[in-house]
Amino acid sequence: MVDRQAAFTSTLWVDGEAVGFGLRLDLVVERGGRRFVAEVKTGSRAPDPCFPATRRQLREYAALFPDHGLLLVDMDAGQVVDVAFD
């Protein structure tokens, strides 16, 4: 593990005006020399990468961390899945 609860800031442009926002990543991990953002979920729906709220969160991470892979961790099932977008 590289980092846990890593805090980052970014900028959103609203009508041409910069608005800063923060986000906190569950985990940043490294495997085979590559870094991944790992999102940890529990429950029956949230660990599903097709669940709309989870998918949007992963999409945001993909946009903000294009050099990182994405992992979705289902803590209840003990499974880790690699997620990628077109």
C-alpha atoms as a PDB file:
ATOM      1  CA  MET A   1       0.000   0.000   0.000  1.00  0.00           C
ATOM      2  CA  VAL A   2       1.282   3.425  -0.970  1.00  0.00           C
ATOM      3  CA  ASP A   3      -1.286   5.545   0.897  1.00  0.00           C
ATOM      4  CA  ARG A   4      -4.553   5.246   2.829  1.00  0.00           C
ATOM      5  CA  GLN A   5      -7.224   7.962   2.895  1.00  0.00           C
ATOM      6  CA  ALA A   6      -5.082  10.070   0.556  1.00  0.00           C
ATOM      7  CA  ALA A   7      -6.439  13.613   0.243  1.00  0.00           C
ATOM      8  CA  PHE A   8      -6.302  15.462  -3.084  1.00  0.00           C
ATOM      9  CA  THR A   9      -7.618  18.729  -4.436  1.00  0.00           C
ATOM     10  CA  SER A  10      -8.705  19.621  -7.935  1.00  0.00           C
ATOM     11  CA  THR A  11     -10.526  22.396  -9.774  1.00  0.00           C
ATOM     12  CA  LEU A  12     -13.987  22.505 -11.291  1.00  0.00           C
ATOM     13  CA  TRP A  13     -14.809  25.338 -13.689  1.00  0.00           C
ATOM     14  CA  VAL A  14     -18.303  26.812 -13.267  1.00  0.00           C
ATOM     15  CA  ASP A  15     -19.265  29.515 -15.753  1.00  0.00           C
ATOM     16  CA  GLY A  16     -15.575  30.222 -16.295  1.00  0.00           C
ATOM     17  CA  GLU A  17     -14.838  30.536 -12.577  1.00  0.00           C
ATOM     18  CA  ALA A  18     -12.470  28.143 -10.799  1.00  0.00           C
ATOM     19  CA  VAL A  19     -13.962  26.291  -7.846  1.00  0.00           C
ATOM     20  CA  GLY A  20     -11.657  24.081  -5.816  1.00  0.00           C
ATOM     21  CA  PHE A  21     -12.825  20.814  -4.323  1.00  0.00           C
ATOM     22  CA  GLY A  22     -11.282  18.021  -2.342  1.00  0.00           C
ATOM     23  CA  LEU A  23     -11.589  14.279  -2.447  1.00  0.00           C
ATOM     24  CA  ARG A  24     -10.267  11.423  -0.386  1.00  0.00           C
ATOM     25  CA  LEU A  25      -9.160   8.133  -1.925  1.00  0.00           C
ATOM     26  CA  ASP A  26      -9.640   4.978   0.118  1.00  0.00           C
ATOM     27  CA  LEU A  27      -6.321   3.470  -0.974  1.00  0.00           C
ATOM     28  CA  VAL A  28      -3.493   4.048  -3.410  1.00  0.00           C
ATOM     29  CA  VAL A  29      -1.695   0.769  -4.052  1.00  0.00           C
ATOM     30  CA  GLU A  30       1.079  -0.449  -6.304  1.00  0.00           C
ATOM     31  CA  ARG A  31       1.253  -3.752  -8.157  1.00  0.00           C
ATOM     32  CA  GLY A  32       3.857  -4.701 -10.736  1.00  0.00           C
ATOM     33  CA  GLY A  33       5.277  -1.162 -10.761  1.00  0.00           C
ATOM     34  CA  ARG A  34       1.875   0.387 -11.584  1.00  0.00           C
ATOM     35  CA  ARG A  35      -0.234   2.530  -9.262  1.00  0.00           C
ATOM     36  CA  PHE A  36      -3.942   1.993  -8.675  1.00  0.00           C
ATOM     37  CA  VAL A  37      -6.706   3.894  -6.949  1.00  0.00           C
ATOM     38  CA  ALA A  38      -8.575   1.295  -4.888  1.00  0.00           C
ATOM     39  CA  GLU A  39     -12.144   2.082  -3.836  1.00  0.00           C
ATOM     40  CA  VAL A  40     -13.378  -0.048  -0.926  1.00  0.00           C
ATOM     41  CA  LYS A  41     -17.101  -0.838  -0.721  1.00  0.00           C
ATOM     42  CA  THR A  42     -19.408  -2.920   1.461  1.00  0.00           C
ATOM     43  CA  GLY A  43     -23.060  -3.894   1.184  1.00  0.00           C
ATOM     44  CA  SER A  44     -25.125  -5.531  -1.510  1.00  0.00           C
ATOM     45  CA  ARG A  45     -25.117  -2.866  -4.244  1.00  0.00           C
ATOM     46  CA  ALA A  46     -22.162  -0.505  -3.770  1.00  0.00           C
ATOM     47  CA  PRO A  47     -19.452  -3.096  -4.670  1.00  0.00           C
ATOM     48  CA  ASP A  48     -21.050  -3.518  -8.112  1.00  0.00           C
ATOM     49  CA  PRO A  49     -19.087  -1.397 -10.643  1.00  0.00           C
ATOM     50  CA  CYS A  50     -22.314  -0.990 -12.653  1.00  0.00           C
ATOM     51  CA  PHE A  51     -24.193   0.504  -9.675  1.00  0.00           C
ATOM     52  CA  PRO A  52     -24.657   4.141 -10.809  1.00  0.00           C
ATOM     53  CA  ALA A  53     -23.158   5.881  -7.761  1.00  0.00           C
ATOM     54  CA  THR A  54     -20.141   3.556  -7.715  1.00  0.00           C
ATOM     55  CA  ARG A  55     -19.659   3.836 -11.489  1.00  0.00           C
ATOM     56  CA  ARG A  56     -19.726   7.647 -11.326  1.00  0.00           C
ATOM     57  CA  GLN A  57     -17.221   7.668  -8.475  1.00  0.00           C
ATOM     58  CA  LEU A  58     -14.865   5.372 -10.385  1.00  0.00           C
ATOM     59  CA  ARG A  59     -15.317   7.510 -13.511  1.00  0.00           C
ATOM     60  CA  GLU A  60     -14.308  10.606 -11.552  1.00  0.00           C
ATOM     61  CA  TYR A  61     -11.173   8.835 -10.332  1.00  0.00           C
ATOM     62  CA  ALA A  62     -10.364   7.716 -13.873  1.00  0.00           C
ATOM     63  CA  ALA A  63     -10.607  11.321 -15.079  1.00  0.00           C
ATOM     64  CA  LEU A  64      -8.580  12.787 -12.211  1.00  0.00           C
ATOM     65  CA  PHE A  65      -5.914  10.046 -12.081  1.00  0.00           C
ATOM     66  CA  PRO A  66      -5.420   8.959 -15.710  1.00  0.00           C
ATOM     67  CA  ASP A  67      -2.023   7.394 -14.978  1.00  0.00           C
ATOM     68  CA  HIS A  68      -3.501   5.075 -12.331  1.00  0.00           C
ATOM     69  CA  GLY A  69      -5.496   1.905 -12.750  1.00  0.00           C
ATOM     70  CA  LEU A  70      -8.763   1.409 -10.853  1.00  0.00           C
ATOM     71  CA  LEU A  71      -9.552  -1.353  -8.399  1.00  0.00           C
ATOM     72  CA  LEU A  72     -12.907  -1.959  -6.726  1.00  0.00           C
ATOM     73  CA  VAL A  73     -12.642  -3.835  -3.439  1.00  0.00           C
ATOM     74  CA  ASP A  74     -15.690  -5.734  -2.135  1.00  0.00           C
ATOM     75  CA  MET A  75     -14.855  -6.135   1.540  1.00  0.00           C
ATOM     76  CA  ASP A  76     -17.834  -8.401   2.282  1.00  0.00           C
ATOM     77  CA  ALA A  77     -16.990 -10.882  -0.498  1.00  0.00           C
ATOM     78  CA  GLY A  78     -13.215 -10.475  -0.182  1.00  0.00           C
ATOM     79  CA  GLN A  79     -12.897  -9.735  -3.900  1.00  0.00           C
ATOM     80  CA  VAL A  80     -10.916  -7.188  -5.891  1.00  0.00           C
ATOM     81  CA  VAL A  81     -11.845  -6.343  -9.480  1.00  0.00           C
ATOM     82  CA  ASP A  82      -9.891  -4.304 -12.006  1.00  0.00           C
ATOM     83  CA  VAL A  83     -12.109  -1.638 -13.621  1.00  0.00           C
ATOM     84  CA  ALA A  84     -11.416   0.358 -16.810  1.00  0.00           C
ATOM     85  CA  PHE A  85     -13.419   2.724 -18.999  1.00  0.00           C
ATOM     86  CA  ASP A  86     -13.328   3.157 -22.798  1.00  0.00           C
END
